[in-house]
Every structure is written in C-alpha cells, then in structure tokens.
Amino acid sequence: MYRLGWLLSGVLAVVIAAMTYFLVLPGGTKKAEDGRAIIVLAPSERDFVLAEMRGFLETLETLEAMTIGLADRDMPKVATSARSRGLENEGDAPASIVAKLPWAFKSLAMDTHRAFDTLAAQAEQGADRQAILSGLGGLMNKCTTCHAGYRFDVESEVK
C-alpha cells in the first residue's frame, strides 16, 4: 500500500516537472537586427501583453498616481496605486502566451510585479519619500531593461 503511494507521488512529481519544463520555462526568441530578442506571438497574444505593459503607465492607479502621491506626500495613494500592479493583481495571461515567453522575460515580469508590492509595503509602513523614489527608480529600470531587451512580433510578420 505504501509503495503504491510512493509510486504515485513519484509519477506526479515527474508529470509536474515535465509540465513546468514544457509550459513554463522554455519560451523562445529570435534575434532582431537591433540586438533585442524577438518574442513571436499571435496577434491577440501580442495585444494582451502590450496592454498589460501599457497598464503599468497609463492607468491612474499606477506610476502616474504614485508620482503624484509622492509629490503630494499622500502615502496611502502611493500604496494603493502600487498595490494595484503587484503580484496579487497580475493579469492572468493565457497559457499559450506563457509557453512562448522566455524564462528571462517571465522572471523580469514577476520581479516587476514584486517591486510594485515592495513599494506598496514601504508606503504603508511609512517609509520616507526618498526611499520610495529610489524604489520607483529601480522599478522604472526594470521597464527600461525589458523594452531594451525584447520586442514582440506577430507570427505573420516574422521572416
């Protein structure tokens, strides 16, 4: 009886490891002429990812509101704005997109969401504006790193 339990546990571990390897880690890129990595997605997938990125900047709950909150010394506004883009509120990317994204990109995306959570926690705990501005600079560096390193093309546009 115990052997069957161990056997099933082992099989389950192998299945989970295989799914992780094939669905989460691989992704794939091509090299662009400008040195960036090209991530090839279907048109609707590309639209989804780009909308997520624009959400970091365009919505009134994110970087714009955080900056205004810092200028106004309104730490609750900073915390609420940052929390809106943290891990808990991350968009649910379709599995088809997740499978195509390279691990380095996924890791950078998760680090970006964690950075928003860190800024929210700092604001909630009464950190001074300089500390939060420093964290905000680090967060913006993640955006710059991503945009400098990657671009998205749709499947029909790739040569």
N, C-alpha and C. Protein backbone atom coordinates (compact mmCIF):
# COMPACT_ATOMS: atom_id res chain seq x y z
N MET A 1 0.82 -1.19 0.00
CA MET A 1 0.00 0.00 0.00
C MET A 1 0.87 1.26 0.00
N TYR A 2 1.90 1.26 0.86
CA TYR A 2 2.78 2.42 0.93
C TYR A 2 3.58 2.59 -0.36
N ARG A 3 3.97 1.45 -0.97
CA ARG A 3 4.72 1.52 -2.22
C ARG A 3 3.90 2.18 -3.33
N LEU A 4 2.61 1.87 -3.36
CA LEU A 4 1.74 2.47 -4.36
C LEU A 4 1.67 3.98 -4.16
N GLY A 5 1.59 4.41 -2.90
CA GLY A 5 1.58 5.85 -2.60
C GLY A 5 2.86 6.53 -3.06
N TRP A 6 3.99 5.90 -2.79
CA TRP A 6 5.27 6.46 -3.22
C TRP A 6 5.39 6.48 -4.74
N LEU A 7 4.90 5.43 -5.35
CA LEU A 7 4.95 5.35 -6.81
C LEU A 7 4.09 6.46 -7.42
N LEU A 8 2.88 6.63 -6.92
CA LEU A 8 2.01 7.68 -7.43
C LEU A 8 2.61 9.07 -7.19
N SER A 9 3.22 9.25 -6.03
CA SER A 9 3.88 10.53 -5.74
C SER A 9 5.02 10.79 -6.70
N GLY A 10 5.78 9.75 -7.00
CA GLY A 10 6.88 9.89 -7.95
C GLY A 10 6.40 10.23 -9.35
N VAL A 11 5.35 9.55 -9.79
CA VAL A 11 4.79 9.82 -11.11
C VAL A 11 4.26 11.24 -11.17
N LEU A 12 3.56 11.66 -10.13
CA LEU A 12 3.03 13.03 -10.07
C LEU A 12 4.16 14.05 -10.12
N ALA A 13 5.25 13.81 -9.40
CA ALA A 13 6.39 14.73 -9.42
C ALA A 13 6.99 14.83 -10.82
N VAL A 14 7.09 13.70 -11.51
CA VAL A 14 7.63 13.71 -12.87
C VAL A 14 6.70 14.48 -13.80
N VAL A 15 5.40 14.28 -13.67
CA VAL A 15 4.43 14.99 -14.52
C VAL A 15 4.51 16.50 -14.27
N ILE A 16 4.58 16.90 -13.01
CA ILE A 16 4.68 18.33 -12.67
C ILE A 16 5.98 18.91 -13.22
N ALA A 17 7.08 18.19 -13.06
CA ALA A 17 8.36 18.67 -13.58
C ALA A 17 8.31 18.81 -15.10
N ALA A 18 7.71 17.84 -15.77
CA ALA A 18 7.62 17.90 -17.24
C ALA A 18 6.75 19.07 -17.68
N MET A 19 5.63 19.28 -17.00
CA MET A 19 4.76 20.40 -17.35
C MET A 19 5.49 21.73 -17.13
N THR A 20 6.21 21.83 -16.05
CA THR A 20 6.98 23.04 -15.78
C THR A 20 8.00 23.26 -16.88
N TYR A 21 8.71 22.22 -17.24
CA TYR A 21 9.73 22.35 -18.27
C TYR A 21 9.14 22.75 -19.61
N PHE A 22 8.05 22.12 -20.00
CA PHE A 22 7.50 22.36 -21.33
C PHE A 22 6.58 23.58 -21.41
N LEU A 23 5.93 23.95 -20.29
CA LEU A 23 4.98 25.06 -20.35
C LEU A 23 5.49 26.36 -19.74
N VAL A 24 6.35 26.28 -18.75
CA VAL A 24 6.75 27.49 -18.03
C VAL A 24 8.13 27.97 -18.44
N LEU A 25 9.09 27.10 -18.53
CA LEU A 25 10.47 27.53 -18.73
C LEU A 25 10.87 27.91 -20.15
N PRO A 26 10.50 27.14 -21.16
CA PRO A 26 11.20 27.31 -22.42
C PRO A 26 11.02 28.63 -23.13
N GLY A 27 9.82 28.93 -23.57
CA GLY A 27 9.66 30.12 -24.38
C GLY A 27 10.56 30.03 -25.59
N GLY A 28 10.77 31.12 -26.23
CA GLY A 28 11.66 31.12 -27.37
C GLY A 28 11.76 32.50 -27.96
N THR A 29 12.90 32.81 -28.50
CA THR A 29 13.10 34.11 -29.12
C THR A 29 13.90 33.95 -30.39
N LYS A 30 13.87 35.00 -31.17
CA LYS A 30 14.73 35.14 -32.34
C LYS A 30 15.50 36.43 -32.14
N LYS A 31 16.62 36.56 -32.79
CA LYS A 31 17.44 37.76 -32.64
C LYS A 31 17.01 38.82 -33.65
N ALA A 32 16.74 40.04 -33.14
CA ALA A 32 16.37 41.15 -34.02
C ALA A 32 17.62 41.86 -34.51
N GLU A 33 17.49 42.60 -35.59
CA GLU A 33 18.62 43.35 -36.14
C GLU A 33 19.15 44.38 -35.17
N ASP A 34 18.30 44.89 -34.29
CA ASP A 34 18.72 45.90 -33.32
C ASP A 34 19.29 45.30 -32.04
N GLY A 35 19.44 43.98 -32.00
CA GLY A 35 20.05 43.32 -30.86
C GLY A 35 19.05 42.80 -29.83
N ARG A 36 17.81 43.24 -29.93
CA ARG A 36 16.81 42.76 -28.98
C ARG A 36 16.37 41.35 -29.35
N ALA A 37 15.78 40.68 -28.38
CA ALA A 37 15.20 39.37 -28.62
C ALA A 37 13.76 39.56 -29.10
N ILE A 38 13.40 38.88 -30.15
CA ILE A 38 12.04 38.94 -30.67
C ILE A 38 11.24 37.79 -30.06
N ILE A 39 10.14 38.13 -29.44
CA ILE A 39 9.21 37.13 -28.94
C ILE A 39 8.05 37.10 -29.93
N VAL A 40 7.82 35.95 -30.50
CA VAL A 40 6.80 35.81 -31.54
C VAL A 40 5.49 35.31 -30.91
N LEU A 41 4.43 36.08 -31.11
CA LEU A 41 3.12 35.76 -30.56
C LEU A 41 2.06 35.90 -31.63
N ALA A 42 0.92 35.29 -31.39
CA ALA A 42 -0.24 35.51 -32.24
C ALA A 42 -0.70 36.96 -32.02
N PRO A 43 -1.40 37.56 -32.97
CA PRO A 43 -1.82 38.95 -32.82
C PRO A 43 -2.59 39.22 -31.51
N SER A 44 -3.50 38.36 -31.14
CA SER A 44 -4.26 38.59 -29.90
C SER A 44 -3.38 38.44 -28.67
N GLU A 45 -2.38 37.55 -28.73
CA GLU A 45 -1.46 37.39 -27.61
C GLU A 45 -0.58 38.64 -27.45
N ARG A 46 -0.10 39.14 -28.57
CA ARG A 46 0.72 40.36 -28.54
C ARG A 46 -0.09 41.52 -27.98
N ASP A 47 -1.33 41.66 -28.41
CA ASP A 47 -2.20 42.72 -27.89
C ASP A 47 -2.37 42.60 -26.38
N PHE A 48 -2.53 41.38 -25.89
CA PHE A 48 -2.69 41.16 -24.45
C PHE A 48 -1.46 41.63 -23.69
N VAL A 49 -0.28 41.22 -24.14
CA VAL A 49 0.96 41.56 -23.43
C VAL A 49 1.20 43.07 -23.47
N LEU A 50 1.01 43.68 -24.62
CA LEU A 50 1.22 45.13 -24.73
C LEU A 50 0.22 45.91 -23.89
N ALA A 51 -1.01 45.44 -23.79
CA ALA A 51 -2.00 46.09 -22.94
C ALA A 51 -1.59 46.01 -21.47
N GLU A 52 -1.02 44.87 -21.06
CA GLU A 52 -0.53 44.72 -19.69
C GLU A 52 0.58 45.75 -19.42
N MET A 53 1.49 45.90 -20.36
CA MET A 53 2.59 46.85 -20.18
C MET A 53 2.08 48.29 -20.13
N ARG A 54 1.18 48.63 -21.02
CA ARG A 54 0.61 49.98 -21.00
C ARG A 54 -0.10 50.25 -19.69
N GLY A 55 -0.66 49.20 -19.11
CA GLY A 55 -1.34 49.33 -17.83
C GLY A 55 -0.42 49.82 -16.73
N PHE A 56 0.86 49.50 -16.81
CA PHE A 56 1.81 50.00 -15.81
C PHE A 56 1.87 51.52 -15.84
N LEU A 57 1.70 52.10 -17.01
CA LEU A 57 1.88 53.54 -17.18
C LEU A 57 0.59 54.32 -17.29
N GLU A 58 -0.35 53.81 -18.04
CA GLU A 58 -1.50 54.61 -18.45
C GLU A 58 -2.61 54.73 -17.43
N THR A 59 -2.80 53.75 -16.61
CA THR A 59 -3.93 53.83 -15.70
C THR A 59 -3.63 54.79 -14.57
N LEU A 60 -4.64 55.37 -14.04
CA LEU A 60 -4.47 56.33 -12.95
C LEU A 60 -4.09 55.66 -11.64
N GLU A 61 -4.06 54.35 -11.64
CA GLU A 61 -3.71 53.64 -10.41
C GLU A 61 -2.23 53.26 -10.35
N THR A 62 -1.42 53.64 -11.31
CA THR A 62 -0.05 53.13 -11.30
C THR A 62 1.00 54.22 -11.21
N LEU A 63 1.97 54.21 -12.07
CA LEU A 63 3.13 55.09 -11.93
C LEU A 63 2.76 56.57 -11.88
N GLU A 64 1.82 56.98 -12.70
CA GLU A 64 1.40 58.38 -12.67
C GLU A 64 0.84 58.75 -11.30
N ALA A 65 -0.06 57.92 -10.79
CA ALA A 65 -0.68 58.20 -9.49
C ALA A 65 0.34 58.10 -8.36
N MET A 66 1.29 57.17 -8.47
CA MET A 66 2.33 57.05 -7.44
C MET A 66 3.17 58.31 -7.40
N THR A 67 3.53 58.83 -8.56
CA THR A 67 4.35 60.04 -8.62
C THR A 67 3.59 61.24 -8.04
N ILE A 68 2.34 61.37 -8.40
CA ILE A 68 1.52 62.45 -7.85
C ILE A 68 1.37 62.27 -6.34
N GLY A 69 1.15 61.05 -5.89
CA GLY A 69 1.05 60.78 -4.46
C GLY A 69 2.32 61.15 -3.71
N LEU A 70 3.47 60.85 -4.28
CA LEU A 70 4.74 61.23 -3.65
C LEU A 70 4.88 62.75 -3.59
N ALA A 71 4.53 63.42 -4.69
CA ALA A 71 4.62 64.88 -4.70
C ALA A 71 3.69 65.50 -3.67
N ASP A 72 2.52 64.90 -3.47
CA ASP A 72 1.54 65.42 -2.51
C ASP A 72 1.74 64.88 -1.10
N ARG A 73 2.76 64.05 -0.91
CA ARG A 73 3.02 63.39 0.38
C ARG A 73 1.82 62.56 0.84
N ASP A 74 1.16 61.94 -0.13
CA ASP A 74 -0.03 61.12 0.12
C ASP A 74 0.37 59.65 0.02
N MET A 75 0.93 59.11 1.11
CA MET A 75 1.43 57.74 1.10
C MET A 75 0.32 56.69 0.92
N PRO A 76 -0.90 56.90 1.45
CA PRO A 76 -1.95 55.92 1.15
C PRO A 76 -2.22 55.81 -0.36
N LYS A 77 -2.16 56.93 -1.06
CA LYS A 77 -2.36 56.90 -2.52
C LYS A 77 -1.22 56.15 -3.20
N VAL A 78 0.00 56.38 -2.73
CA VAL A 78 1.15 55.67 -3.28
C VAL A 78 0.97 54.17 -3.08
N ALA A 79 0.59 53.78 -1.85
CA ALA A 79 0.44 52.36 -1.53
C ALA A 79 -0.66 51.71 -2.37
N THR A 80 -1.81 52.36 -2.46
CA THR A 80 -2.93 51.81 -3.24
C THR A 80 -2.57 51.70 -4.71
N SER A 81 -1.90 52.72 -5.23
CA SER A 81 -1.51 52.71 -6.64
C SER A 81 -0.52 51.59 -6.93
N ALA A 82 0.48 51.45 -6.08
CA ALA A 82 1.49 50.41 -6.29
C ALA A 82 0.87 49.02 -6.14
N ARG A 83 0.03 48.85 -5.15
CA ARG A 83 -0.58 47.54 -4.90
C ARG A 83 -1.43 47.08 -6.09
N SER A 84 -1.98 48.03 -6.84
CA SER A 84 -2.84 47.67 -7.97
C SER A 84 -2.09 46.93 -9.08
N ARG A 85 -0.76 47.01 -9.08
CA ARG A 85 0.04 46.31 -10.09
C ARG A 85 0.95 45.26 -9.48
N GLY A 86 0.72 44.91 -8.22
CA GLY A 86 1.51 43.88 -7.57
C GLY A 86 1.13 42.49 -8.03
N LEU A 87 1.75 41.50 -7.42
CA LEU A 87 1.53 40.11 -7.82
C LEU A 87 0.07 39.69 -7.69
N GLU A 88 -0.60 40.16 -6.66
CA GLU A 88 -1.99 39.75 -6.43
C GLU A 88 -2.91 40.20 -7.56
N ASN A 89 -2.60 41.32 -8.18
CA ASN A 89 -3.45 41.86 -9.23
C ASN A 89 -2.86 41.67 -10.62
N GLU A 90 -1.94 40.75 -10.73
CA GLU A 90 -1.32 40.47 -12.03
C GLU A 90 -2.38 39.90 -12.96
N GLY A 91 -2.32 40.30 -14.22
CA GLY A 91 -3.26 39.78 -15.20
C GLY A 91 -3.03 38.30 -15.44
N ASP A 92 -4.08 37.58 -15.65
CA ASP A 92 -3.97 36.14 -15.93
C ASP A 92 -3.67 35.94 -17.40
N ALA A 93 -2.41 35.72 -17.68
CA ALA A 93 -2.00 35.51 -19.07
C ALA A 93 -2.44 34.13 -19.52
N PRO A 94 -2.97 34.04 -20.71
CA PRO A 94 -3.33 32.72 -21.25
C PRO A 94 -2.10 31.81 -21.32
N ALA A 95 -2.33 30.52 -21.14
CA ALA A 95 -1.23 29.55 -21.16
C ALA A 95 -0.46 29.60 -22.48
N SER A 96 -1.14 29.92 -23.57
CA SER A 96 -0.46 29.97 -24.87
C SER A 96 0.62 31.05 -24.87
N ILE A 97 0.38 32.14 -24.16
CA ILE A 97 1.38 33.21 -24.08
C ILE A 97 2.52 32.79 -23.16
N VAL A 98 2.17 32.28 -21.99
CA VAL A 98 3.17 31.89 -21.00
C VAL A 98 4.15 30.89 -21.61
N ALA A 99 3.65 29.97 -22.40
CA ALA A 99 4.52 28.95 -23.01
C ALA A 99 5.50 29.55 -24.01
N LYS A 100 5.15 30.67 -24.62
CA LYS A 100 6.01 31.28 -25.65
C LYS A 100 7.04 32.26 -25.08
N LEU A 101 6.82 32.73 -23.87
CA LEU A 101 7.73 33.72 -23.29
C LEU A 101 8.98 33.05 -22.74
N PRO A 102 10.15 33.60 -23.02
CA PRO A 102 11.38 33.03 -22.46
C PRO A 102 11.43 33.25 -20.95
N TRP A 103 12.16 32.36 -20.28
CA TRP A 103 12.23 32.41 -18.81
C TRP A 103 12.73 33.77 -18.32
N ALA A 104 13.72 34.35 -18.96
CA ALA A 104 14.27 35.64 -18.50
C ALA A 104 13.19 36.73 -18.54
N PHE A 105 12.34 36.70 -19.54
CA PHE A 105 11.25 37.68 -19.63
C PHE A 105 10.23 37.45 -18.52
N LYS A 106 9.86 36.20 -18.30
CA LYS A 106 8.90 35.88 -17.24
C LYS A 106 9.45 36.30 -15.88
N SER A 107 10.72 36.04 -15.67
CA SER A 107 11.35 36.40 -14.40
C SER A 107 11.35 37.92 -14.20
N LEU A 108 11.66 38.66 -15.24
CA LEU A 108 11.65 40.12 -15.16
C LEU A 108 10.24 40.63 -14.89
N ALA A 109 9.25 40.02 -15.51
CA ALA A 109 7.86 40.43 -15.29
C ALA A 109 7.45 40.19 -13.83
N MET A 110 7.80 39.05 -13.29
CA MET A 110 7.46 38.75 -11.89
C MET A 110 8.20 39.70 -10.95
N ASP A 111 9.47 39.99 -11.24
CA ASP A 111 10.23 40.94 -10.42
C ASP A 111 9.59 42.32 -10.46
N THR A 112 9.03 42.70 -11.59
CA THR A 112 8.37 44.00 -11.71
C THR A 112 7.14 44.04 -10.83
N HIS A 113 6.32 43.01 -10.87
CA HIS A 113 5.13 42.96 -10.00
C HIS A 113 5.54 42.97 -8.52
N ARG A 114 6.61 42.23 -8.19
CA ARG A 114 7.10 42.23 -6.80
C ARG A 114 7.59 43.61 -6.38
N ALA A 115 8.20 44.34 -7.31
CA ALA A 115 8.69 45.69 -6.99
C ALA A 115 7.52 46.62 -6.66
N PHE A 116 6.41 46.47 -7.36
CA PHE A 116 5.22 47.25 -7.01
C PHE A 116 4.75 46.89 -5.60
N ASP A 117 4.76 45.60 -5.26
CA ASP A 117 4.36 45.19 -3.91
C ASP A 117 5.30 45.76 -2.85
N THR A 118 6.58 45.77 -3.15
CA THR A 118 7.56 46.32 -2.20
C THR A 118 7.31 47.80 -1.97
N LEU A 119 7.06 48.54 -3.04
CA LEU A 119 6.78 49.97 -2.90
C LEU A 119 5.49 50.20 -2.11
N ALA A 120 4.49 49.38 -2.34
CA ALA A 120 3.24 49.50 -1.58
C ALA A 120 3.50 49.27 -0.09
N ALA A 121 4.27 48.24 0.23
CA ALA A 121 4.57 47.94 1.63
C ALA A 121 5.37 49.07 2.26
N GLN A 122 6.34 49.61 1.53
CA GLN A 122 7.12 50.73 2.08
C GLN A 122 6.22 51.93 2.38
N ALA A 123 5.32 52.24 1.47
CA ALA A 123 4.42 53.38 1.67
C ALA A 123 3.49 53.12 2.86
N GLU A 124 3.00 51.89 2.98
CA GLU A 124 2.11 51.54 4.10
C GLU A 124 2.84 51.61 5.44
N GLN A 125 4.13 51.30 5.43
CA GLN A 125 4.91 51.28 6.66
C GLN A 125 5.55 52.63 6.98
N GLY A 126 5.24 53.64 6.18
CA GLY A 126 5.71 54.99 6.48
C GLY A 126 7.13 55.29 6.05
N ALA A 127 7.64 54.59 5.05
CA ALA A 127 9.00 54.90 4.57
C ALA A 127 9.04 56.33 4.05
N ASP A 128 10.21 56.93 4.09
CA ASP A 128 10.31 58.31 3.60
C ASP A 128 10.25 58.35 2.08
N ARG A 129 9.96 59.51 1.58
CA ARG A 129 9.78 59.66 0.13
C ARG A 129 11.04 59.30 -0.64
N GLN A 130 12.20 59.60 -0.09
CA GLN A 130 13.45 59.29 -0.80
C GLN A 130 13.60 57.80 -1.02
N ALA A 131 13.26 57.00 -0.01
CA ALA A 131 13.35 55.55 -0.15
C ALA A 131 12.39 55.04 -1.23
N ILE A 132 11.18 55.61 -1.23
CA ILE A 132 10.20 55.18 -2.22
C ILE A 132 10.61 55.65 -3.62
N LEU A 133 11.15 56.86 -3.72
CA LEU A 133 11.63 57.33 -5.02
C LEU A 133 12.76 56.45 -5.54
N SER A 134 13.62 56.03 -4.65
CA SER A 134 14.70 55.13 -5.05
C SER A 134 14.13 53.81 -5.57
N GLY A 135 13.15 53.27 -4.87
CA GLY A 135 12.49 52.05 -5.33
C GLY A 135 11.77 52.25 -6.65
N LEU A 136 11.17 53.41 -6.82
CA LEU A 136 10.48 53.73 -8.06
C LEU A 136 11.48 53.78 -9.22
N GLY A 137 12.67 54.33 -8.96
CA GLY A 137 13.72 54.34 -9.98
C GLY A 137 14.13 52.92 -10.37
N GLY A 138 14.25 52.04 -9.38
CA GLY A 138 14.58 50.65 -9.67
C GLY A 138 13.49 49.96 -10.47
N LEU A 139 12.25 50.29 -10.16
CA LEU A 139 11.12 49.74 -10.91
C LEU A 139 11.15 50.21 -12.36
N MET A 140 11.40 51.48 -12.56
CA MET A 140 11.47 52.02 -13.92
C MET A 140 12.64 51.39 -14.69
N ASN A 141 13.71 51.04 -13.99
CA ASN A 141 14.83 50.37 -14.64
C ASN A 141 14.42 49.02 -15.18
N LYS A 142 13.51 48.33 -14.48
CA LYS A 142 13.01 47.05 -14.98
C LYS A 142 12.25 47.26 -16.29
N CYS A 143 11.48 48.34 -16.37
CA CYS A 143 10.75 48.64 -17.60
C CYS A 143 11.74 48.90 -18.74
N THR A 144 12.75 49.71 -18.45
CA THR A 144 13.75 50.05 -19.46
C THR A 144 14.50 48.80 -19.92
N THR A 145 14.87 47.95 -18.98
CA THR A 145 15.58 46.72 -19.29
C THR A 145 14.76 45.84 -20.22
N CYS A 146 13.48 45.72 -19.92
CA CYS A 146 12.60 44.89 -20.74
C CYS A 146 12.46 45.47 -22.15
N HIS A 147 12.19 46.76 -22.24
CA HIS A 147 11.99 47.37 -23.56
C HIS A 147 13.28 47.40 -24.38
N ALA A 148 14.42 47.49 -23.70
CA ALA A 148 15.70 47.46 -24.41
C ALA A 148 16.06 46.04 -24.86
N GLY A 149 15.53 45.04 -24.18
CA GLY A 149 15.92 43.67 -24.47
C GLY A 149 14.96 42.86 -25.32
N TYR A 150 13.72 43.30 -25.38
CA TYR A 150 12.71 42.49 -26.07
C TYR A 150 11.84 43.33 -26.98
N ARG A 151 11.30 42.66 -27.98
CA ARG A 151 10.24 43.24 -28.78
C ARG A 151 9.30 42.12 -29.16
N PHE A 152 8.08 42.48 -29.45
CA PHE A 152 7.07 41.50 -29.81
C PHE A 152 6.70 41.64 -31.27
N ASP A 153 6.69 40.53 -31.96
CA ASP A 153 6.22 40.48 -33.33
C ASP A 153 5.11 39.46 -33.40
N VAL A 154 4.23 39.65 -34.36
CA VAL A 154 3.18 38.66 -34.56
C VAL A 154 3.68 37.61 -35.54
N GLU A 155 3.13 36.43 -35.45
CA GLU A 155 3.60 35.29 -36.24
C GLU A 155 3.68 35.57 -37.72
N SER A 156 2.73 36.27 -38.26
CA SER A 156 2.73 36.51 -39.70
C SER A 156 3.76 37.55 -40.14
N GLU A 157 4.30 38.35 -39.19
CA GLU A 157 5.27 39.39 -39.54
C GLU A 157 6.71 38.89 -39.51
N VAL A 158 6.97 37.76 -38.89
CA VAL A 158 8.33 37.26 -38.73
C VAL A 158 8.81 36.63 -40.02
N LYS A 159 10.05 36.96 -40.37
CA LYS A 159 10.63 36.44 -41.61
C LYS A 159 11.23 35.08 -41.41
